[in-house]
Amino acid sequence: MPPLCSDWFMWPLASVVPSMYESCRAAILRAVLPSAGVGQRTAVAAGALTLLLSACGGRPPSTPTPLPIPTPPPAPTWFLSGHLVSQTGTPVAGATLSSLETRSTTSDENGNFTVGGSSTPTSPYRLTVSASDYLTRAVWVQWLQSRPSITVDLISTLPPFDSAFYAEITRNAFDQPGSLEGRPLAIWETDNPKIYVRTVYEDGDAVEARALDAIETTIRRTVRDWSAGKRHVDVFQRGTETRSLEDGWIVVSVFHSDPAAVGHCGLSLLGGTAGDIHLVSGRCACGDDPVPVSVVAHEVGHTMGFCHVSDPSAVMYGAGTRKCDGGVLTERERFHAAIAWLRPAGTEYPDSDAGGATPLARRRITIVD
């Protein structure tokens, strides 16, 4: 007599779960009576097997659905290499560079970086650079098929840099607090300025010669100081006629009484391409000096692009207090003015290349002191 649980009967189960096969085989053998006929034993075995298969979860496992394979991003088809440095030339490591047209990347220990994309970028495209202890900078990069490596400099926020002072002197945060985002830098926009000083008051009386000499000396010195040595007086003229504003020129007028600056020591335009300085004689006199050199240095500061600050010791102090200290810039003023002159006029706060803003030369921002 053939075995009750022969291979022709049990092989499907044995092929699925061997341990289940042995358990079911033993149960069938115990369930079938020895006196039963061959047909009975076969029927009982089949029924028992069906029952046990059901009880043991006897459906073969279904084939698992394979997980989708992620599609890898397209390989870059263009690259731009460059170098990151601080304003003093030190390599900047670990900075993050990103753009809508590029994948984010990080500068290496030497400040080197490479960015790339899978499609030709728009031109120009905006590249944002952020790093710990530096102002976040955004630059516009012109796409060129054969562009060589570029260098991007970042402004360190470590001392002696003072974020609050920098915001005051370059973005007028003292007189106009609030959101500074996007406020443009207003430094002098043309090359070395030409100076014209009117030598008579509004009533035709002659301005004191000593005052005129002090004005000239102070202007020549402070144009250099406020621009970190990047600008100097190109031409200096004196005359009695009234001059209109002209690009590249700073016109200086001295008044007994100036309707545009009632109650103030003077006024001037902020930055731009044409300067207009008004000085009020006697209003803020220091001893025998009807026009203190501190006032002249202050107005030249405005013309070169700088605003009022909260520091009482500074030339650009904005509380309107008369000062008779010689108009010498503080080290704080010199340092932050030099930082500002690392950027072109129109740079948006905190450190983003201008994105099509109206040229400052056409805004004619007047500051009255």
Protein backbone atom coordinates (compact mmCIF):
# COMPACT_ATOMS: atom_id res chain seq x y z
CA MET A 1 0.00 0.00 0.00
CA PRO A 2 1.44 3.40 -0.91
CA PRO A 3 2.05 5.91 1.88
CA LEU A 4 -1.03 7.92 2.80
CA CYS A 5 0.68 11.30 2.35
CA SER A 6 2.54 10.52 -0.81
CA ASP A 7 4.48 13.12 -2.77
CA TRP A 8 1.79 13.38 -5.45
CA PHE A 9 -0.61 14.49 -2.76
CA MET A 10 1.53 16.62 -0.44
CA TRP A 11 4.22 18.13 -2.67
CA PRO A 12 2.45 21.53 -3.07
CA LEU A 13 2.50 22.02 0.68
CA ALA A 14 6.04 20.67 1.05
CA SER A 15 7.22 23.11 -1.60
CA VAL A 16 5.73 26.08 0.28
CA VAL A 17 6.47 25.45 3.99
CA PRO A 18 8.40 22.25 4.89
CA SER A 19 7.56 22.41 8.61
CA MET A 20 3.87 22.79 7.84
CA TYR A 21 4.13 19.75 5.53
CA GLU A 22 5.46 17.53 8.34
CA SER A 23 2.82 18.70 10.83
CA CYS A 24 -0.02 18.10 8.41
CA ARG A 25 1.33 14.67 7.39
CA ALA A 26 1.46 13.48 11.00
CA ALA A 27 -2.06 14.72 11.70
CA ILE A 28 -3.45 12.91 8.67
CA LEU A 29 -1.83 9.65 9.66
CA ARG A 30 -3.38 9.80 13.11
CA ALA A 31 -6.80 10.74 11.72
CA VAL A 32 -7.25 7.82 9.31
CA LEU A 33 -8.50 4.48 10.73
CA PRO A 34 -6.29 1.49 10.01
CA SER A 35 -9.33 -0.59 8.94
CA ALA A 36 -10.50 1.89 6.36
CA GLY A 37 -10.29 0.97 2.72
CA VAL A 38 -7.97 2.60 0.32
CA GLY A 39 -10.71 4.87 -1.03
CA GLN A 40 -11.81 5.90 2.44
CA ARG A 41 -8.29 6.62 3.53
CA THR A 42 -7.69 8.74 0.46
CA ALA A 43 -10.91 10.71 1.02
CA VAL A 44 -10.22 11.26 4.70
CA ALA A 45 -6.67 12.29 3.97
CA ALA A 46 -7.81 14.81 1.38
CA GLY A 47 -10.42 16.27 3.74
CA ALA A 48 -8.02 16.45 6.61
CA LEU A 49 -5.42 18.06 4.44
CA THR A 50 -7.90 20.69 3.28
CA LEU A 51 -8.93 21.41 6.86
CA LEU A 52 -5.35 21.68 8.06
CA LEU A 53 -4.29 23.83 5.19
CA SER A 54 -7.07 26.23 6.12
CA ALA A 55 -6.18 26.18 9.79
CA CYS A 56 -2.48 26.75 9.09
CA GLY A 57 -3.13 29.70 6.86
CA GLY A 58 -2.82 27.37 3.99
CA ARG A 59 -2.81 29.77 1.02
CA PRO A 60 0.61 30.15 -0.58
CA PRO A 61 1.97 33.68 -0.07
CA SER A 62 1.30 36.07 -2.92
CA THR A 63 4.24 37.53 -4.88
CA PRO A 64 5.19 40.96 -3.31
CA THR A 65 4.78 44.07 -5.48
CA PRO A 66 8.24 45.46 -6.26
CA LEU A 67 8.97 48.99 -4.97
CA PRO A 68 9.51 51.61 -7.68
CA ILE A 69 13.14 52.49 -8.33
CA PRO A 70 13.70 56.25 -7.83
CA THR A 71 14.71 58.11 -10.94
CA PRO A 72 18.14 59.67 -10.40
CA PRO A 73 18.39 63.45 -10.99
CA PRO A 74 19.80 64.42 -14.36
CA ALA A 75 23.52 64.85 -14.44
CA PRO A 76 24.76 68.47 -14.57
CA THR A 77 25.47 69.73 -18.06
CA TRP A 78 27.27 72.95 -17.09
CA PHE A 79 29.53 74.07 -14.26
CA LEU A 80 30.85 77.27 -12.67
CA SER A 81 33.93 77.23 -10.47
CA GLY A 82 35.01 79.94 -8.08
CA HIS A 83 36.68 81.02 -4.88
CA LEU A 84 35.21 82.56 -1.71
CA VAL A 85 37.21 85.02 0.39
CA SER A 86 36.58 87.49 3.19
CA GLN A 87 37.03 91.23 2.66
CA THR A 88 40.65 90.75 3.80
CA GLY A 89 41.30 87.91 1.33
CA THR A 90 41.02 84.97 3.77
CA PRO A 91 39.44 81.83 2.21
CA VAL A 92 35.89 81.13 3.44
CA ALA A 93 35.29 77.41 4.04
CA GLY A 94 31.95 75.70 4.61
CA ALA A 95 29.83 78.34 2.89
CA THR A 96 26.60 77.25 1.19
CA LEU A 97 26.00 78.40 -2.39
CA SER A 98 22.59 78.03 -4.01
CA SER A 99 20.56 79.25 -6.95
CA LEU A 100 17.34 78.43 -8.76
CA GLU A 101 19.50 77.29 -11.68
CA THR A 102 22.05 75.26 -9.70
CA ARG A 103 22.29 72.58 -7.09
CA SER A 104 23.41 73.66 -3.63
CA THR A 105 27.06 73.11 -2.87
CA THR A 106 29.56 73.92 -0.12
CA SER A 107 32.95 75.60 -0.39
CA ASP A 108 35.94 73.48 0.60
CA GLU A 109 38.62 74.27 3.17
CA ASN A 110 40.37 76.57 0.69
CA GLY A 111 37.20 78.46 -0.21
CA ASN A 112 36.89 76.77 -3.62
CA PHE A 113 33.51 75.75 -5.00
CA THR A 114 31.84 74.36 -8.11
CA VAL A 115 28.16 74.72 -8.93
CA GLY A 116 26.31 73.25 -11.87
CA GLY A 117 22.92 72.56 -13.40
CA SER A 118 21.18 70.31 -15.88
CA SER A 119 19.94 73.04 -18.19
CA THR A 120 21.46 76.28 -19.48
CA PRO A 121 20.77 78.96 -16.85
CA THR A 122 19.06 82.24 -17.42
CA SER A 123 21.50 85.09 -17.84
CA PRO A 124 22.29 86.59 -15.47
CA TYR A 125 21.34 84.25 -12.63
CA ARG A 126 21.31 85.00 -8.91
CA LEU A 127 23.76 83.09 -6.72
CA THR A 128 23.26 83.28 -2.94
CA VAL A 129 26.17 82.63 -0.58
CA SER A 130 25.72 82.14 3.16
CA ALA A 131 28.29 81.31 5.82
CA SER A 132 28.56 81.52 9.59
CA ASP A 133 29.97 84.90 10.76
CA TYR A 134 29.46 86.57 7.36
CA LEU A 135 26.74 88.70 5.82
CA THR A 136 24.68 86.63 3.40
CA ARG A 137 25.55 87.80 -0.09
CA ALA A 138 23.62 87.52 -3.35
CA VAL A 139 25.43 88.15 -6.63
CA TRP A 140 24.26 88.19 -10.24
CA VAL A 141 26.43 85.97 -12.44
CA GLN A 142 26.45 86.48 -16.19
CA TRP A 143 26.30 83.12 -17.95
CA LEU A 144 29.17 82.63 -20.40
CA GLN A 145 30.00 79.32 -22.05
CA SER A 146 33.70 79.81 -21.41
CA ARG A 147 33.56 81.84 -18.17
CA PRO A 148 36.74 81.48 -16.11
CA SER A 149 36.71 80.99 -12.35
CA ILE A 150 35.13 83.82 -10.35
CA THR A 151 35.97 85.24 -6.92
CA VAL A 152 33.22 86.30 -4.49
CA ASP A 153 34.10 88.26 -1.36
CA LEU A 154 32.02 88.17 1.83
CA ILE A 155 31.83 90.73 4.65
CA SER A 156 32.80 89.30 8.03
CA THR A 157 30.46 90.10 10.92
CA LEU A 158 33.12 89.49 13.56
CA PRO A 159 34.48 92.49 15.52
CA PRO A 160 35.30 95.26 14.81
CA PHE A 161 32.30 94.98 12.46
CA ASP A 162 29.15 96.32 14.17
CA SER A 163 25.92 95.36 12.42
CA ALA A 164 23.84 98.07 14.10
CA PHE A 165 26.36 100.82 13.33
CA TYR A 166 26.75 99.60 9.74
CA ALA A 167 22.97 99.72 9.29
CA GLU A 168 22.90 103.29 10.64
CA ILE A 169 25.75 104.76 8.63
CA THR A 170 24.97 103.02 5.33
CA ARG A 171 21.16 102.49 5.38
CA ASN A 172 19.88 105.40 7.53
CA ALA A 173 18.66 103.13 10.34
CA PHE A 174 19.10 105.93 12.92
CA ASP A 175 16.73 108.42 11.27
CA GLN A 176 14.50 105.79 9.65
CA PRO A 177 14.38 102.65 11.78
CA GLY A 178 12.35 99.65 10.69
CA SER A 179 12.82 97.05 8.02
CA LEU A 180 16.11 97.54 6.19
CA GLU A 181 15.69 94.69 3.71
CA GLY A 182 16.44 95.92 0.22
CA ARG A 183 17.51 99.46 1.20
CA PRO A 184 20.17 100.55 -1.31
CA LEU A 185 23.68 101.71 -0.59
CA ALA A 186 24.00 105.39 -1.58
CA ILE A 187 27.73 106.00 -1.95
CA TRP A 188 29.09 108.56 -4.42
CA GLU A 189 28.61 107.03 -7.87
CA THR A 190 31.08 108.79 -10.15
CA ASP A 191 34.84 109.03 -10.27
CA ASN A 192 36.91 111.61 -8.38
CA PRO A 193 34.61 114.58 -7.68
CA LYS A 194 35.20 118.13 -8.90
CA ILE A 195 34.46 120.85 -6.34
CA TYR A 196 33.06 124.33 -6.87
CA VAL A 197 32.78 126.70 -3.87
CA ARG A 198 30.78 129.90 -4.22
CA THR A 199 32.75 132.67 -2.52
CA VAL A 200 29.86 135.06 -1.77
CA TYR A 201 26.80 134.77 0.42
CA GLU A 202 23.28 134.90 -0.98
CA ASP A 203 23.25 138.70 -0.49
CA GLY A 204 26.52 139.19 -2.40
CA ASP A 205 28.79 139.75 0.61
CA ALA A 206 32.12 137.97 0.43
CA VAL A 207 32.63 134.85 2.50
CA GLU A 208 35.53 135.21 4.91
CA ALA A 209 38.79 134.03 3.34
CA ARG A 210 39.70 132.01 6.43
CA ALA A 211 36.41 130.18 6.22
CA LEU A 212 36.93 129.41 2.53
CA ASP A 213 40.43 128.05 3.19
CA ALA A 214 39.13 125.83 6.02
CA ILE A 215 36.31 124.56 3.76
CA GLU A 216 38.74 123.62 1.00
CA THR A 217 41.22 121.89 3.31
CA THR A 218 38.46 119.89 5.00
CA ILE A 219 36.81 118.82 1.74
CA ARG A 220 40.09 117.61 0.26
CA ARG A 221 40.86 115.57 3.41
CA THR A 222 37.44 114.08 4.02
CA VAL A 223 36.68 113.02 0.44
CA ARG A 224 39.64 110.66 0.84
CA ASP A 225 38.66 109.63 4.37
CA TRP A 226 35.03 108.83 3.56
CA SER A 227 35.97 106.79 0.48
CA ALA A 228 38.79 104.81 2.15
CA GLY A 229 41.21 106.48 -0.25
CA LYS A 230 39.31 105.38 -3.37
CA ARG A 231 38.33 108.95 -4.29
CA HIS A 232 40.10 112.29 -4.13
CA VAL A 233 39.30 115.80 -5.27
CA ASP A 234 40.03 116.06 -8.98
CA VAL A 235 39.42 119.81 -9.49
CA PHE A 236 38.82 122.57 -6.94
CA GLN A 237 37.37 125.86 -8.13
CA ARG A 238 36.14 129.04 -6.44
CA GLY A 239 33.86 131.67 -7.96
CA THR A 240 31.07 134.14 -7.39
CA GLU A 241 28.52 132.77 -9.86
CA THR A 242 25.75 130.37 -9.00
CA ARG A 243 26.26 126.87 -10.42
CA SER A 244 23.60 124.35 -11.38
CA LEU A 245 23.99 120.72 -10.41
CA GLU A 246 26.11 118.71 -12.80
CA ASP A 247 27.21 115.09 -12.76
CA GLY A 248 30.65 114.68 -11.26
CA TRP A 249 30.57 118.05 -9.47
CA ILE A 250 29.92 119.00 -5.83
CA VAL A 251 28.64 122.57 -5.51
CA VAL A 252 29.24 124.21 -2.11
CA SER A 253 27.34 127.37 -1.09
CA VAL A 254 27.62 129.38 2.13
CA PHE A 255 24.56 131.24 3.47
CA HIS A 256 23.78 133.77 6.16
CA SER A 257 20.30 132.29 6.21
CA ASP A 258 19.19 129.34 4.15
CA PRO A 259 15.42 128.83 3.76
CA ALA A 260 16.06 125.17 2.96
CA ALA A 261 17.93 124.63 6.23
CA VAL A 262 16.15 126.83 8.77
CA GLY A 263 17.42 126.05 12.27
CA HIS A 264 20.14 123.75 10.97
CA CYS A 265 23.87 123.91 10.32
CA GLY A 266 23.62 122.76 6.72
CA LEU A 267 22.22 120.28 4.23
CA SER A 268 23.43 118.07 1.40
CA LEU A 269 22.35 115.46 -1.10
CA LEU A 270 23.00 111.85 -0.18
CA GLY A 271 25.41 110.18 -2.57
CA GLY A 272 24.46 110.12 -6.23
CA THR A 273 26.41 111.62 -9.12
CA ALA A 274 26.01 115.32 -8.32
CA GLY A 275 26.57 116.96 -4.93
CA ASP A 276 24.94 120.06 -3.41
CA ILE A 277 26.21 121.22 0.00
CA HIS A 278 24.72 124.19 1.89
CA LEU A 279 26.60 125.60 4.89
CA VAL A 280 24.94 128.13 7.23
CA SER A 281 27.48 130.63 8.57
CA GLY A 282 27.22 131.45 12.28
CA ARG A 283 24.44 128.93 12.98
CA CYS A 284 26.85 126.40 14.51
CA ALA A 285 29.93 128.62 14.93
CA CYS A 286 32.87 127.47 17.01
CA GLY A 287 34.58 130.52 18.48
CA ASP A 288 35.76 132.67 15.58
CA ASP A 289 34.94 130.01 12.97
CA PRO A 290 31.57 130.84 11.40
CA VAL A 291 31.53 127.46 9.58
CA PRO A 292 33.15 124.76 11.76
CA VAL A 293 35.19 122.14 9.94
CA SER A 294 33.16 119.47 11.79
CA VAL A 295 30.06 120.66 9.91
CA VAL A 296 31.93 120.57 6.59
CA ALA A 297 33.21 117.04 7.30
CA HIS A 298 29.67 115.97 8.24
CA GLU A 299 28.14 117.30 5.00
CA VAL A 300 30.89 115.75 2.90
CA GLY A 301 30.05 112.47 4.66
CA HIS A 302 26.48 112.72 3.38
CA THR A 303 27.67 113.59 -0.12
CA MET A 304 29.94 110.54 -0.16
CA GLY A 305 26.96 108.37 0.83
CA PHE A 306 26.75 108.16 4.62
CA CYS A 307 23.91 108.76 7.08
CA HIS A 308 23.41 109.82 10.69
CA VAL A 309 24.52 107.56 13.54
CA SER A 310 23.74 107.30 17.26
CA ASP A 311 27.37 107.52 18.43
CA PRO A 312 27.92 111.01 19.99
CA SER A 313 31.66 110.85 19.26
CA ALA A 314 31.15 110.30 15.53
CA VAL A 315 31.35 112.96 12.82
CA MET A 316 28.00 111.67 11.54
CA TYR A 317 26.28 111.95 14.93
CA GLY A 318 22.69 112.77 14.15
CA ALA A 319 21.34 114.54 17.23
CA GLY A 320 22.06 118.03 15.85
CA THR A 321 24.49 118.99 18.62
CA ARG A 322 27.18 121.47 17.62
CA LYS A 323 30.64 119.92 17.58
CA CYS A 324 33.97 121.74 17.51
CA ASP A 325 36.34 118.78 17.34
CA GLY A 326 38.03 119.26 13.97
CA GLY A 327 35.86 116.86 11.96
CA VAL A 328 38.16 113.83 12.27
CA LEU A 329 36.48 110.49 11.55
CA THR A 330 36.42 107.93 14.35
CA GLU A 331 38.03 104.53 13.77
CA ARG A 332 34.52 103.06 13.75
CA GLU A 333 33.49 105.40 10.94
CA ARG A 334 36.63 104.71 8.94
CA PHE A 335 36.24 100.94 9.24
CA HIS A 336 32.57 100.80 8.22
CA ALA A 337 33.00 103.38 5.45
CA ALA A 338 35.77 101.20 4.00
CA ILE A 339 33.44 98.17 4.15
CA ALA A 340 30.74 100.12 2.29
CA TRP A 341 33.19 101.09 -0.45
CA LEU A 342 33.77 97.41 -1.21
CA ARG A 343 30.34 97.46 -2.86
CA PRO A 344 28.88 99.51 -5.72
CA ALA A 345 26.12 102.06 -5.20
CA GLY A 346 22.71 100.43 -5.16
CA THR A 347 23.77 97.28 -3.27
CA GLU A 348 20.71 96.18 -1.30
CA TYR A 349 20.78 95.50 2.43
CA PRO A 350 22.37 93.45 3.83
CA ASP A 351 24.64 92.52 0.90
CA SER A 352 22.81 91.82 -2.35
CA ASP A 353 23.70 93.07 -5.81
CA ALA A 354 21.15 95.58 -7.07
CA GLY A 355 18.34 93.97 -9.02
CA GLY A 356 17.31 96.75 -11.36
CA ALA A 357 16.60 99.45 -8.77
CA THR A 358 16.22 103.06 -9.89
CA PRO A 359 19.70 104.59 -10.06
CA LEU A 360 20.45 106.55 -6.91
CA ALA A 361 21.73 109.41 -9.02
CA ARG A 362 18.15 110.18 -10.04
CA ARG A 363 16.63 110.06 -6.55
CA ARG A 364 18.01 113.35 -5.16
CA ILE A 365 17.80 112.42 -1.46
CA THR A 366 18.38 115.55 0.64
CA ILE A 367 19.50 115.37 4.28
CA VAL A 368 19.15 118.45 6.47
CA ASP A 369 21.38 118.73 9.58
